[in-house]
Amino acid sequence: MSERGPATAPSHESSPESTSAPAPAATAPLTAARRTGLLVTFILGGLTALPPLSMDMYLPALPQVTSALNSPAATVQLTLTACLAGMALGQLVIGPMSDKWGRRRPLLAGMVVYVLATAICALAPTTELLIAFRLLQGLAGAAAIVIARAVVRDLYDGVEMARFFSTLMLISGAAPIVAPLIGGQVLRFADWRGVFVVLTGVGLVLTLVVWRRLDETLPPERRHTGGVGSALRTMRGLLGDRVFAGYTLAGGFAFAVLFSYISASPFVVQEIYGASPQTFSLLFGLNSVGLIIVGQVNGKLLVGRVSLDKALAVGLGVITAASVALLLMSAGVFGEAGLVPVSAGLFVLMSAMGLVLPNTNAQALMRTPHAAGSASALLGTSSFLVGAIASPLVGIAGEDTAVPMAVVQLVCSLLAVGCFLGMCRPWQSREPQAA
């Protein structure tokens, strides 16, 4: 295993003489290193879970927010868009900051602001103020996801990085399962503001764990010394790499497919098909189980046996096929489709993300060992920005049809396939970008 960080490297220091029984004194560092690696895995999983927690725990409350704040559905969906746009823009700032100052300080600063912004969201009296503080929540919460990816790049390389991203999906993928269920249960005892109270507590706990347990993974000698201009030049160089840009855009459009589902499904499932918040939460959780299972198949069975590009191509093909099926059902081509077939199509679409998301991240970051923070920022920004644009489009025709959701999903799927084939050109051999 090709690990590069101080938190895990000691576990791989062995010599040819290791066939003899190890001395007791030698086993202690190995055990400590493994425990540290496991702890870091859970911390990074928690950080990558924070965005879906912030989004998905709130989803069952969207219809209630629409009623409580006396706003149309399209306006309330902007509370999702604002948070997503904040996470997109925040990564552009925090990613390069982490390349210059290390991972810990920007991460802790972002987490503190996230906790404060989330607490203020619980008190927002109007939709406009809720949108504003959701934007701030997203800007601050960007630190969690962008620095988590950069830490993975600090510690891993090659197929091991792809495996680790799949492992993170096992942890962070539990968030979409648990979050709507928690959100649905919170709504049984409190209104939508209670959801933000719970999120405040989650953010506070995660901040304390990061402060106490996550060590710095970027040593001073590997940090960038330049200012804003240097960061912009680094990003321009990354975007100038056609293959990196291709994986970044393919992942971004695939994420837009995912987020169009996240944004529209509360209204599609609850308003069009009449399901309760609890039923919606259950269906959402089942879809997330599919994503986790396929992500683990990718990490445990496919990585190292099948090329990452082949796995990615299969995932993109399945997402496109599922989007076509959903569009045909939503348009009534097969007659009036019920909740079961539509839910089955969404399940297939969500599950295929387990092949797409970890492999686009791994393939892009493998080309950028010299600027992991900036590369992670561009990966995250493209995903969240395209998702933020897709979010209001799914409600453009109102709450009574799922056709806009399906159209957005199909268009974004085709764009992802186009970027992968036209820019990454997986049939060609290529060398990683020079450091």
Protein backbone atom coordinates (compact mmCIF):
# COMPACT_ATOMS: atom_id res chain seq x y z
CA MET A 1 0.00 0.00 0.00
CA SER A 2 1.46 3.31 -1.10
CA GLU A 3 0.78 5.66 1.81
CA ARG A 4 2.66 8.91 2.08
CA GLY A 5 1.65 10.60 5.30
CA PRO A 6 3.11 10.47 8.79
CA ALA A 7 -0.10 9.06 10.20
CA THR A 8 0.20 5.77 8.35
CA ALA A 9 3.69 5.39 6.99
CA PRO A 10 5.16 3.67 10.09
CA SER A 11 2.90 0.67 9.52
CA HIS A 12 4.80 -0.12 6.32
CA GLU A 13 8.37 0.03 7.59
CA SER A 14 9.46 -3.61 7.38
CA SER A 15 12.75 -5.23 6.54
CA PRO A 16 13.82 -8.49 4.97
CA GLU A 17 14.50 -9.84 8.43
CA SER A 18 10.81 -9.50 9.33
CA THR A 19 10.33 -13.26 8.97
CA SER A 20 11.46 -13.68 12.56
CA ALA A 21 9.05 -13.04 15.42
CA PRO A 22 8.82 -9.31 16.13
CA ALA A 23 10.00 -8.05 19.45
CA PRO A 24 7.33 -6.68 21.77
CA ALA A 25 8.79 -3.21 21.51
CA ALA A 26 8.42 -3.27 17.73
CA THR A 27 4.73 -4.16 17.76
CA ALA A 28 3.62 -1.08 19.68
CA PRO A 29 4.35 1.50 16.91
CA LEU A 30 2.65 -0.78 14.35
CA THR A 31 -0.48 -1.14 16.47
CA ALA A 32 -0.56 2.60 17.20
CA ALA A 33 -0.18 3.40 13.50
CA ARG A 34 -3.09 1.13 12.59
CA ARG A 35 -5.26 2.68 15.26
CA THR A 36 -4.30 6.14 14.06
CA GLY A 37 -5.17 5.17 10.50
CA LEU A 38 -8.58 3.86 11.56
CA LEU A 39 -9.26 7.00 13.57
CA VAL A 40 -8.25 9.22 10.65
CA THR A 41 -10.57 7.20 8.41
CA PHE A 42 -13.53 7.86 10.68
CA ILE A 43 -12.67 11.55 11.02
CA LEU A 44 -12.37 12.01 7.25
CA GLY A 45 -15.58 10.06 6.82
CA GLY A 46 -17.30 12.41 9.24
CA LEU A 47 -16.00 15.45 7.38
CA THR A 48 -17.16 14.17 4.00
CA ALA A 49 -20.51 13.27 5.58
CA LEU A 50 -21.13 16.85 6.74
CA PRO A 51 -22.42 18.18 3.36
CA PRO A 52 -24.98 15.36 2.89
CA LEU A 53 -25.99 15.78 6.53
CA SER A 54 -26.52 19.49 5.96
CA MET A 55 -28.61 18.79 2.86
CA ASP A 56 -30.44 15.55 3.52
CA MET A 57 -31.54 16.02 7.12
CA TYR A 58 -33.36 19.12 5.91
CA LEU A 59 -35.08 17.49 2.93
CA PRO A 60 -38.18 16.08 4.70
CA ALA A 61 -38.82 19.58 6.07
CA LEU A 62 -38.90 21.35 2.69
CA PRO A 63 -42.69 21.19 2.27
CA GLN A 64 -43.09 22.37 5.88
CA VAL A 65 -40.71 25.30 5.31
CA THR A 66 -42.74 26.22 2.23
CA SER A 67 -45.86 26.43 4.38
CA ALA A 68 -44.32 27.93 7.53
CA LEU A 69 -42.52 30.77 5.75
CA ASN A 70 -45.32 31.23 3.20
CA SER A 71 -42.99 30.86 0.22
CA PRO A 72 -43.31 29.01 -3.10
CA ALA A 73 -41.45 25.72 -3.57
CA ALA A 74 -39.01 27.21 -6.07
CA THR A 75 -37.97 29.87 -3.54
CA VAL A 76 -37.54 27.36 -0.73
CA GLN A 77 -35.39 25.20 -3.02
CA LEU A 78 -33.02 28.19 -3.15
CA THR A 79 -32.11 27.37 0.46
CA LEU A 80 -30.52 24.23 -0.96
CA THR A 81 -28.98 26.13 -3.85
CA ALA A 82 -27.48 28.74 -1.51
CA CYS A 83 -25.84 26.12 0.68
CA LEU A 84 -24.51 24.29 -2.36
CA ALA A 85 -23.21 27.49 -4.00
CA GLY A 86 -21.51 28.43 -0.72
CA MET A 87 -19.76 25.08 -0.60
CA ALA A 88 -18.65 25.55 -4.21
CA LEU A 89 -17.20 29.03 -3.71
CA GLY A 90 -15.77 28.28 -0.29
CA GLN A 91 -13.67 25.45 -1.65
CA LEU A 92 -11.95 27.80 -4.11
CA VAL A 93 -10.68 29.82 -1.16
CA ILE A 94 -10.09 27.16 1.48
CA GLY A 95 -8.38 24.63 -0.81
CA PRO A 96 -5.43 26.89 -1.74
CA MET A 97 -5.29 28.14 1.87
CA SER A 98 -4.72 24.57 3.01
CA ASP A 99 -1.85 24.21 0.51
CA LYS A 100 -0.21 27.27 2.05
CA TRP A 101 -0.98 27.02 5.79
CA GLY A 102 -1.55 23.31 6.24
CA ARG A 103 -4.79 21.40 6.70
CA ARG A 104 -5.64 21.91 10.38
CA ARG A 105 -5.97 25.68 10.76
CA PRO A 106 -8.29 26.35 7.77
CA LEU A 107 -10.35 23.29 8.70
CA LEU A 108 -10.89 24.35 12.31
CA ALA A 109 -11.72 27.93 11.32
CA GLY A 110 -14.29 26.73 8.81
CA MET A 111 -15.88 24.32 11.27
CA VAL A 112 -16.34 27.02 13.92
CA VAL A 113 -18.08 29.33 11.45
CA TYR A 114 -20.21 26.40 10.23
CA VAL A 115 -21.49 25.76 13.75
CA LEU A 116 -22.38 29.43 14.27
CA ALA A 117 -24.10 29.78 10.87
CA THR A 118 -26.14 26.61 11.41
CA ALA A 119 -27.31 27.82 14.80
CA ILE A 120 -28.43 31.10 13.22
CA CYS A 121 -30.36 29.19 10.51
CA ALA A 122 -32.54 27.75 13.27
CA LEU A 123 -33.61 31.29 14.18
CA ALA A 124 -34.19 32.70 10.68
CA PRO A 125 -37.64 34.40 10.55
CA THR A 126 -37.90 34.70 6.75
CA THR A 127 -36.95 32.70 3.68
CA GLU A 128 -34.56 35.45 2.57
CA LEU A 129 -32.60 35.31 5.82
CA LEU A 130 -32.59 31.52 5.76
CA ILE A 131 -31.13 31.61 2.26
CA ALA A 132 -28.44 34.07 3.39
CA PHE A 133 -27.36 32.00 6.37
CA ARG A 134 -27.49 28.78 4.36
CA LEU A 135 -25.02 30.46 2.01
CA LEU A 136 -22.74 31.22 4.96
CA GLN A 137 -23.20 27.67 6.24
CA GLY A 138 -22.08 26.35 2.87
CA LEU A 139 -19.08 28.70 2.64
CA ALA A 140 -17.82 27.52 6.01
CA GLY A 141 -18.76 23.88 5.58
CA ALA A 142 -16.69 23.77 2.39
CA ALA A 143 -13.63 23.39 4.61
CA ALA A 144 -14.75 19.91 5.67
CA ILE A 145 -15.07 18.36 2.25
CA VAL A 146 -12.20 20.10 0.42
CA ILE A 147 -9.64 19.46 3.17
CA ALA A 148 -10.81 15.87 3.68
CA ARG A 149 -10.04 15.15 0.01
CA ALA A 150 -6.67 16.94 0.29
CA VAL A 151 -5.76 14.88 3.37
CA VAL A 152 -6.54 11.69 1.42
CA ARG A 153 -4.17 12.89 -1.32
CA ASP A 154 -1.52 13.61 1.33
CA LEU A 155 -1.72 10.06 2.65
CA TYR A 156 -2.48 7.87 -0.39
CA ASP A 157 -1.60 7.40 -4.04
CA GLY A 158 -2.56 5.19 -6.97
CA VAL A 159 -5.21 2.53 -6.60
CA GLU A 160 -4.97 2.81 -2.81
CA MET A 161 -6.43 6.29 -3.09
CA ALA A 162 -9.36 4.93 -5.11
CA ARG A 163 -9.86 2.22 -2.48
CA PHE A 164 -9.80 4.78 0.31
CA PHE A 165 -12.37 6.97 -1.45
CA SER A 166 -14.61 3.92 -1.68
CA THR A 167 -14.07 3.27 2.02
CA LEU A 168 -15.05 6.86 2.77
CA MET A 169 -18.26 6.23 0.85
CA LEU A 170 -19.10 3.47 3.34
CA ILE A 171 -18.91 6.03 6.14
CA SER A 172 -20.12 9.19 4.44
CA GLY A 173 -22.70 7.19 2.50
CA ALA A 174 -24.40 6.35 5.79
CA ALA A 175 -25.20 10.05 6.18
CA PRO A 176 -27.86 10.13 3.43
CA ILE A 177 -29.43 7.05 5.03
CA VAL A 178 -29.47 8.35 8.59
CA ALA A 179 -30.02 12.06 7.88
CA PRO A 180 -33.53 11.94 6.34
CA LEU A 181 -34.59 9.38 8.94
CA ILE A 182 -33.40 11.68 11.70
CA GLY A 183 -34.98 14.65 9.95
CA GLY A 184 -38.28 12.82 9.63
CA GLN A 185 -38.24 11.86 13.31
CA VAL A 186 -37.29 15.39 14.39
CA LEU A 187 -40.36 16.66 12.53
CA ARG A 188 -42.53 14.41 14.70
CA PHE A 189 -41.50 16.35 17.81
CA ALA A 190 -40.41 19.76 16.50
CA ASP A 191 -40.76 21.97 13.45
CA TRP A 192 -38.15 22.48 10.73
CA ARG A 193 -36.02 24.63 13.04
CA GLY A 194 -35.29 21.58 15.16
CA VAL A 195 -33.40 20.08 12.21
CA PHE A 196 -30.89 22.93 12.34
CA VAL A 197 -30.53 22.54 16.10
CA VAL A 198 -29.50 18.91 15.58
CA LEU A 199 -27.09 19.93 12.80
CA THR A 200 -25.52 22.48 15.13
CA GLY A 201 -24.83 19.73 17.64
CA VAL A 202 -23.32 17.48 14.97
CA GLY A 203 -21.04 20.26 13.76
CA LEU A 204 -19.91 21.06 17.29
CA VAL A 205 -19.00 17.45 18.06
CA LEU A 206 -17.09 17.08 14.78
CA THR A 207 -15.21 20.32 15.43
CA LEU A 208 -14.07 19.07 18.83
CA VAL A 209 -12.95 15.71 17.42
CA VAL A 210 -10.93 17.41 14.65
CA TRP A 211 -9.31 19.75 17.19
CA ARG A 212 -8.31 16.92 19.50
CA ARG A 213 -7.52 14.05 17.14
CA LEU A 214 -6.65 15.07 13.57
CA ASP A 215 -2.94 15.72 13.08
CA GLU A 216 -1.43 17.89 10.38
CA THR A 217 -0.78 15.86 7.20
CA LEU A 218 0.98 18.50 5.08
CA PRO A 219 4.54 19.13 6.39
CA PRO A 220 5.96 22.67 6.04
CA GLU A 221 8.43 21.68 3.33
CA ARG A 222 5.56 20.65 1.02
CA ARG A 223 3.52 23.82 1.46
CA HIS A 224 3.18 26.59 -1.11
CA THR A 225 4.65 29.94 -0.14
CA GLY A 226 2.95 32.16 -2.73
CA GLY A 227 -0.08 34.36 -2.26
CA VAL A 228 -3.34 34.72 -4.14
CA GLY A 229 -1.59 35.15 -7.48
CA SER A 230 0.33 31.93 -7.02
CA ALA A 231 -2.87 30.07 -6.10
CA LEU A 232 -4.61 31.38 -9.21
CA ARG A 233 -1.67 30.35 -11.41
CA THR A 234 -1.75 26.87 -9.88
CA MET A 235 -5.47 26.54 -10.59
CA ARG A 236 -5.02 27.83 -14.13
CA GLY A 237 -2.33 25.21 -14.68
CA LEU A 238 -4.59 22.47 -13.33
CA LEU A 239 -7.43 23.52 -15.60
CA GLY A 240 -4.99 23.60 -18.51
CA ASP A 241 -4.47 19.87 -18.04
CA ARG A 242 -7.10 18.45 -20.40
CA VAL A 243 -7.37 15.10 -18.63
CA PHE A 244 -7.72 16.61 -15.15
CA ALA A 245 -10.34 19.03 -16.46
CA GLY A 246 -12.19 16.15 -18.12
CA TYR A 247 -12.46 14.12 -14.92
CA THR A 248 -13.39 17.24 -12.99
CA LEU A 249 -16.23 18.14 -15.37
CA ALA A 250 -17.43 14.54 -15.67
CA GLY A 251 -17.62 14.29 -11.88
CA GLY A 252 -19.31 17.68 -11.68
CA PHE A 253 -22.07 16.79 -14.13
CA ALA A 254 -22.57 13.40 -12.45
CA PHE A 255 -22.95 15.22 -9.14
CA ALA A 256 -25.56 17.47 -10.78
CA VAL A 257 -27.53 14.33 -11.67
CA LEU A 258 -27.34 13.30 -8.02
CA PHE A 259 -28.29 16.71 -6.72
CA SER A 260 -31.22 17.11 -9.09
CA TYR A 261 -32.58 13.98 -7.40
CA ILE A 262 -31.81 15.35 -3.93
CA SER A 263 -33.50 18.66 -4.67
CA ALA A 264 -36.60 17.34 -6.45
CA SER A 265 -37.30 14.04 -4.68
CA PRO A 266 -39.03 15.53 -1.59
CA PHE A 267 -41.67 17.09 -3.84
CA VAL A 268 -41.81 14.20 -6.34
CA VAL A 269 -42.24 11.52 -3.67
CA GLN A 270 -44.35 13.47 -1.18
CA GLU A 271 -46.38 15.88 -3.32
CA ILE A 272 -46.87 13.92 -6.57
CA TYR A 273 -47.09 10.41 -5.12
CA GLY A 274 -48.49 11.35 -1.71
CA ALA A 275 -45.89 9.65 0.46
CA SER A 276 -45.35 10.71 4.08
CA PRO A 277 -42.06 12.29 5.26
CA GLN A 278 -41.22 8.98 6.94
CA THR A 279 -41.82 7.00 3.70
CA PHE A 280 -39.72 9.48 1.78
CA SER A 281 -36.93 9.10 4.34
CA LEU A 282 -37.09 5.31 4.02
CA LEU A 283 -36.89 5.39 0.21
CA PHE A 284 -34.06 7.90 0.34
CA GLY A 285 -32.21 5.65 2.76
CA LEU A 286 -32.66 2.60 0.52
CA ASN A 287 -31.17 4.52 -2.40
CA SER A 288 -28.19 5.45 -0.27
CA VAL A 289 -27.73 1.78 0.68
CA GLY A 290 -27.43 1.03 -3.02
CA LEU A 291 -24.76 3.71 -3.41
CA ILE A 292 -22.80 2.30 -0.47
CA ILE A 293 -22.97 -1.30 -1.72
CA VAL A 294 -21.80 -0.41 -5.22
CA GLY A 295 -19.08 1.84 -3.76
CA GLN A 296 -17.77 -1.08 -1.72
CA VAL A 297 -17.90 -3.40 -4.72
CA ASN A 298 -15.82 -0.79 -6.54
CA GLY A 299 -13.26 -0.45 -3.74
CA LYS A 300 -13.00 -4.07 -2.60
CA LEU A 301 -13.51 -6.04 -5.82
CA LEU A 302 -12.95 -3.86 -8.89
CA VAL A 303 -10.06 -1.54 -7.98
CA GLY A 304 -6.82 -3.32 -8.84
CA ARG A 305 -8.60 -5.84 -11.09
CA VAL A 306 -10.48 -3.55 -13.47
CA SER A 307 -9.15 -0.20 -14.63
CA LEU A 308 -10.69 2.83 -12.99
CA ASP A 309 -11.74 4.14 -16.40
CA LYS A 310 -13.67 0.97 -17.22
CA ALA A 311 -15.52 1.07 -13.90
CA LEU A 312 -16.23 4.76 -14.44
CA ALA A 313 -17.53 4.11 -17.97
CA VAL A 314 -19.96 1.47 -16.69
CA GLY A 315 -21.20 3.83 -13.99
CA LEU A 316 -21.80 6.65 -16.44
CA GLY A 317 -23.61 4.29 -18.81
CA VAL A 318 -25.95 3.05 -16.08
CA ILE A 319 -26.71 6.60 -14.92
CA THR A 320 -27.58 7.63 -18.47
CA ALA A 321 -29.84 4.60 -18.98
CA ALA A 322 -31.62 5.21 -15.66
CA SER A 323 -32.15 8.87 -16.61
CA VAL A 324 -33.74 7.84 -19.92
CA ALA A 325 -36.07 5.43 -18.11
CA LEU A 326 -37.10 8.07 -15.56
CA LEU A 327 -37.84 10.58 -18.31
CA LEU A 328 -40.02 8.10 -20.19
CA MET A 329 -41.93 7.21 -17.02
CA SER A 330 -42.33 10.86 -15.97
CA ALA A 331 -43.62 11.81 -19.42
CA GLY A 332 -46.23 9.05 -19.27
CA VAL A 333 -44.88 7.10 -22.24
CA PHE A 334 -45.70 3.85 -20.42
CA GLY A 335 -48.93 5.16 -18.93
CA GLU A 336 -49.27 6.50 -15.42
CA ALA A 337 -46.20 5.30 -13.53
CA GLY A 338 -46.60 4.63 -9.83
CA LEU A 339 -44.21 5.19 -6.95
CA VAL A 340 -42.65 1.72 -7.21
CA PRO A 341 -41.21 1.92 -10.77
CA VAL A 342 -40.08 5.52 -10.30
CA SER A 343 -38.38 4.56 -7.02
CA ALA A 344 -36.70 1.63 -8.78
CA GLY A 345 -35.29 3.96 -11.43
CA LEU A 346 -33.99 6.35 -8.79
CA PHE A 347 -32.43 3.42 -6.90
CA VAL A 348 -30.48 2.34 -9.99
CA LEU A 349 -29.38 5.92 -10.65
CA MET A 350 -28.18 6.48 -7.09
CA SER A 351 -26.42 3.10 -6.88
CA ALA A 352 -24.37 3.78 -10.02
CA MET A 353 -22.90 6.85 -8.31
CA GLY A 354 -20.80 4.38 -6.31
CA LEU A 355 -18.81 3.72 -9.49
CA VAL A 356 -18.63 7.32 -10.70
CA LEU A 357 -17.82 9.58 -7.75
CA PRO A 358 -14.82 7.79 -6.15
CA ASN A 359 -13.21 7.04 -9.50
CA THR A 360 -13.48 10.56 -10.93
CA ASN A 361 -11.96 11.94 -7.71
CA ALA A 362 -9.13 9.41 -7.68
CA GLN A 363 -8.27 9.79 -11.36
CA ALA A 364 -8.19 13.59 -11.11
CA LEU A 365 -6.19 13.76 -7.87
CA MET A 366 -3.63 11.20 -9.09
CA ARG A 367 -2.48 13.82 -11.59
CA THR A 368 -1.96 16.55 -8.97
CA PRO A 369 0.31 15.43 -6.09
CA HIS A 370 1.90 18.90 -6.03
CA ALA A 371 -1.33 20.86 -5.37
CA ALA A 372 -3.82 18.58 -3.64
CA GLY A 373 -5.69 21.42 -1.93
CA SER A 374 -6.19 23.43 -5.10
CA ALA A 375 -7.11 20.33 -7.10
CA SER A 376 -9.59 19.28 -4.43
CA ALA A 377 -11.07 22.78 -4.50
CA LEU A 378 -11.60 22.64 -8.26
CA LEU A 379 -13.15 19.18 -8.02
CA GLY A 380 -15.54 20.27 -5.29
CA THR A 381 -16.34 23.64 -6.81
CA SER A 382 -17.28 22.17 -10.17
CA SER A 383 -19.53 19.60 -8.52
CA PHE A 384 -21.30 21.97 -6.17
CA LEU A 385 -21.56 24.81 -8.68
CA VAL A 386 -23.13 22.67 -11.39
CA GLY A 387 -25.38 21.13 -8.73
CA ALA A 388 -26.44 24.57 -7.57
CA ILE A 389 -27.41 25.50 -11.13
CA ALA A 390 -29.35 22.26 -11.59
CA SER A 391 -31.27 22.62 -8.32
CA PRO A 392 -33.79 25.35 -9.27
CA LEU A 393 -34.27 23.88 -12.76
CA VAL A 394 -35.94 20.74 -11.41
CA GLY A 395 -38.83 22.82 -10.01
CA ILE A 396 -39.24 25.12 -12.99
CA ALA A 397 -42.56 23.53 -14.04
CA GLY A 398 -44.03 23.47 -10.54
CA GLU A 399 -44.66 20.72 -8.01
CA ASP A 400 -46.98 18.53 -10.11
CA THR A 401 -44.57 16.91 -12.56
CA ALA A 402 -41.25 15.06 -12.36
CA VAL A 403 -40.37 15.73 -16.02
CA PRO A 404 -37.98 18.64 -15.30
CA MET A 405 -36.02 16.46 -12.83
CA ALA A 406 -35.68 13.70 -15.40
CA VAL A 407 -34.69 16.13 -18.18
CA VAL A 408 -31.97 17.70 -16.02
CA GLN A 409 -30.68 14.25 -15.08
CA LEU A 410 -30.50 13.09 -18.69
CA VAL A 411 -28.82 16.25 -19.99
CA CYS A 412 -26.21 16.21 -17.21
CA SER A 413 -25.59 12.47 -17.73
CA LEU A 414 -24.90 13.02 -21.42
CA LEU A 415 -22.59 15.95 -20.64
CA ALA A 416 -20.66 13.80 -18.16
CA VAL A 417 -20.25 11.06 -20.77
CA GLY A 418 -19.15 13.65 -23.33
CA CYS A 419 -16.48 15.12 -21.03
CA PHE A 420 -15.19 11.66 -20.12
CA LEU A 421 -14.89 10.49 -23.72
CA GLY A 422 -13.91 13.78 -25.35
CA MET A 423 -11.41 15.08 -22.77
CA CYS A 424 -10.15 12.10 -20.75
CA ARG A 425 -9.94 9.83 -23.82
CA PRO A 426 -9.59 6.67 -21.72
CA TRP A 427 -8.45 4.54 -24.68
CA GLN A 428 -5.19 6.56 -24.83
CA SER A 429 -2.19 5.97 -22.58
CA ARG A 430 -1.11 9.03 -20.63
CA GLU A 431 1.40 10.18 -18.06
CA PRO A 432 0.51 11.99 -14.82
CA GLN A 433 0.92 15.74 -14.78
CA ALA A 434 4.40 16.81 -13.73
CA ALA A 435 4.85 18.08 -10.23
